[in-house]
Amino acid sequence: MIDNDIISIQVEREIVRLYKSFLAILEQTKVDHKIMTNKINKYTSPDFAENIDYLTKERQEATRKLVLDNGNDSARSISAFLNMFDFKLNEEKVKQASEQKRVIVKRFTTSMPIQTLE
């Protein structure tokens, strides 16, 4: 049913958007951490800065993998749950939402399924 496909695609997009934002936060944390370790290195010693550096490359990659794995698990879980339902698009509500500019609906194109990051 096309209405179910639309819902699944939109939910998947939102989940991907969410975990991409988590990855962006992780990247910003990495930058902030590097700035702080550089200051520590400058005002104390390189050895001390290295010893307290908790955000290693390995830790960053492990955290990144956790974000991606959890996002993919959530997408699969929600998709399996949504498949238990049959949805029908309420054309009138879509029209009202687009007129109120809360949601811009141009068209839905369904072709290949969305690929998840794995």
Protein backbone atom coordinates (compact mmCIF):
# COMPACT_ATOMS: atom_id res chain seq x y z
CA MET A 1 0.00 0.00 0.00
CA ILE A 2 1.50 3.34 -1.07
CA ASP A 3 0.33 5.21 2.06
CA ASN A 4 2.30 2.78 4.24
CA ASP A 5 5.35 3.29 2.03
CA ILE A 6 5.09 7.06 2.46
CA ILE A 7 4.93 6.71 6.24
CA SER A 8 7.86 4.28 6.34
CA ILE A 9 9.99 6.52 4.11
CA GLN A 10 9.26 9.60 6.22
CA VAL A 11 9.97 7.80 9.50
CA GLU A 12 13.24 6.47 8.10
CA ARG A 13 14.25 9.96 6.94
CA GLU A 14 13.60 11.40 10.39
CA ILE A 15 15.58 8.66 12.11
CA VAL A 16 18.51 9.21 9.72
CA ARG A 17 18.27 12.98 10.34
CA LEU A 18 18.35 12.32 14.09
CA TYR A 19 21.40 10.14 14.08
CA LYS A 20 23.21 12.43 11.64
CA SER A 21 22.67 15.19 14.18
CA PHE A 22 24.18 12.94 16.86
CA LEU A 23 27.20 12.40 14.62
CA ALA A 24 27.53 16.17 14.15
CA ILE A 25 27.45 16.61 17.93
CA LEU A 26 30.16 13.97 18.24
CA GLU A 27 32.30 15.82 15.69
CA GLN A 28 31.85 19.10 17.57
CA THR A 29 32.78 17.38 20.81
CA LYS A 30 35.94 16.11 19.12
CA VAL A 31 36.85 19.66 18.04
CA ASP A 32 36.14 21.07 21.52
CA HIS A 33 38.17 18.29 23.11
CA LYS A 34 41.14 18.98 20.81
CA ILE A 35 41.03 22.69 21.70
CA MET A 36 41.07 21.82 25.39
CA THR A 37 43.92 19.29 25.10
CA ASN A 38 45.94 21.87 23.17
CA LYS A 39 45.44 24.37 26.01
CA ILE A 40 46.43 21.74 28.57
CA ASN A 41 49.49 20.91 26.49
CA LYS A 42 50.43 24.60 26.34
CA TYR A 43 49.99 25.34 30.06
CA THR A 44 51.20 22.07 31.56
CA SER A 45 53.13 19.41 29.69
CA PRO A 46 52.62 17.26 26.59
CA ASP A 47 52.80 14.12 28.73
CA PHE A 48 50.07 15.33 31.04
CA ALA A 49 47.86 16.32 28.09
CA GLU A 50 48.36 12.91 26.51
CA ASN A 51 47.64 11.06 29.76
CA ILE A 52 44.28 12.77 30.31
CA ASP A 53 43.18 12.51 26.67
CA TYR A 54 40.10 10.31 27.04
CA LEU A 55 38.64 10.93 23.56
CA THR A 56 40.96 8.70 21.60
CA LYS A 57 40.39 7.77 17.96
CA GLU A 58 39.25 4.33 19.09
CA ARG A 59 36.73 5.86 21.52
CA GLN A 60 35.44 8.21 18.81
CA GLU A 61 34.98 5.36 16.33
CA ALA A 62 33.28 3.17 18.94
CA THR A 63 30.86 6.00 19.79
CA ARG A 64 30.20 6.68 16.10
CA LYS A 65 29.47 2.98 15.55
CA LEU A 66 27.07 2.94 18.51
CA VAL A 67 25.16 5.92 17.10
CA LEU A 68 24.85 4.28 13.68
CA ASP A 69 23.95 0.86 15.09
CA ASN A 70 21.30 2.30 17.40
CA GLY A 71 19.85 4.40 14.58
CA ASN A 72 19.65 1.41 12.28
CA ASP A 73 18.14 -0.76 15.02
CA SER A 74 15.50 1.90 15.71
CA ALA A 75 14.68 2.20 12.00
CA ARG A 76 14.24 -1.56 11.67
CA SER A 77 12.17 -1.80 14.85
CA ILE A 78 9.84 1.06 13.92
CA SER A 79 9.51 -0.26 10.37
CA ALA A 80 8.53 -3.71 11.64
CA PHE A 81 6.00 -2.13 13.98
CA LEU A 82 4.50 0.09 11.25
CA ASN A 83 4.11 -2.94 8.97
CA MET A 84 1.45 -4.22 11.36
CA PHE A 85 -0.86 -1.37 10.32
CA ASP A 86 -2.63 -0.26 7.18
CA PHE A 87 -2.62 3.52 6.85
CA LYS A 88 -4.74 5.69 4.63
CA LEU A 89 -3.60 9.17 3.66
CA ASN A 90 -6.12 11.87 4.56
CA GLU A 91 -5.91 14.04 1.46
CA GLU A 92 -7.89 16.87 3.08
CA LYS A 93 -5.46 17.15 6.02
CA VAL A 94 -2.48 17.10 3.64
CA LYS A 95 -4.10 19.90 1.66
CA GLN A 96 -4.80 21.93 4.81
CA ALA A 97 -1.27 21.44 6.12
CA SER A 98 0.28 22.51 2.82
CA GLU A 99 -1.97 25.59 2.69
CA GLN A 100 -0.94 26.54 6.22
CA LYS A 101 2.70 26.03 5.23
CA ARG A 102 3.27 23.73 8.18
CA VAL A 103 4.14 20.98 5.76
CA ILE A 104 5.12 21.44 2.17
CA VAL A 105 3.94 18.52 0.12
CA LYS A 106 5.02 18.64 -3.49
CA ARG A 107 4.85 15.00 -4.49
CA PHE A 108 5.81 11.60 -3.29
CA THR A 109 7.96 9.45 -5.49
CA THR A 110 8.49 5.86 -4.58
CA SER A 111 11.12 3.88 -6.34
CA MET A 112 13.95 2.03 -4.69
CA PRO A 113 13.82 1.47 -0.92
CA ILE A 114 15.92 3.78 1.22
CA GLN A 115 19.28 2.31 2.09
CA THR A 116 20.35 2.46 5.72
CA LEU A 117 23.90 2.96 6.89
CA GLU A 118 25.23 -0.39 8.02
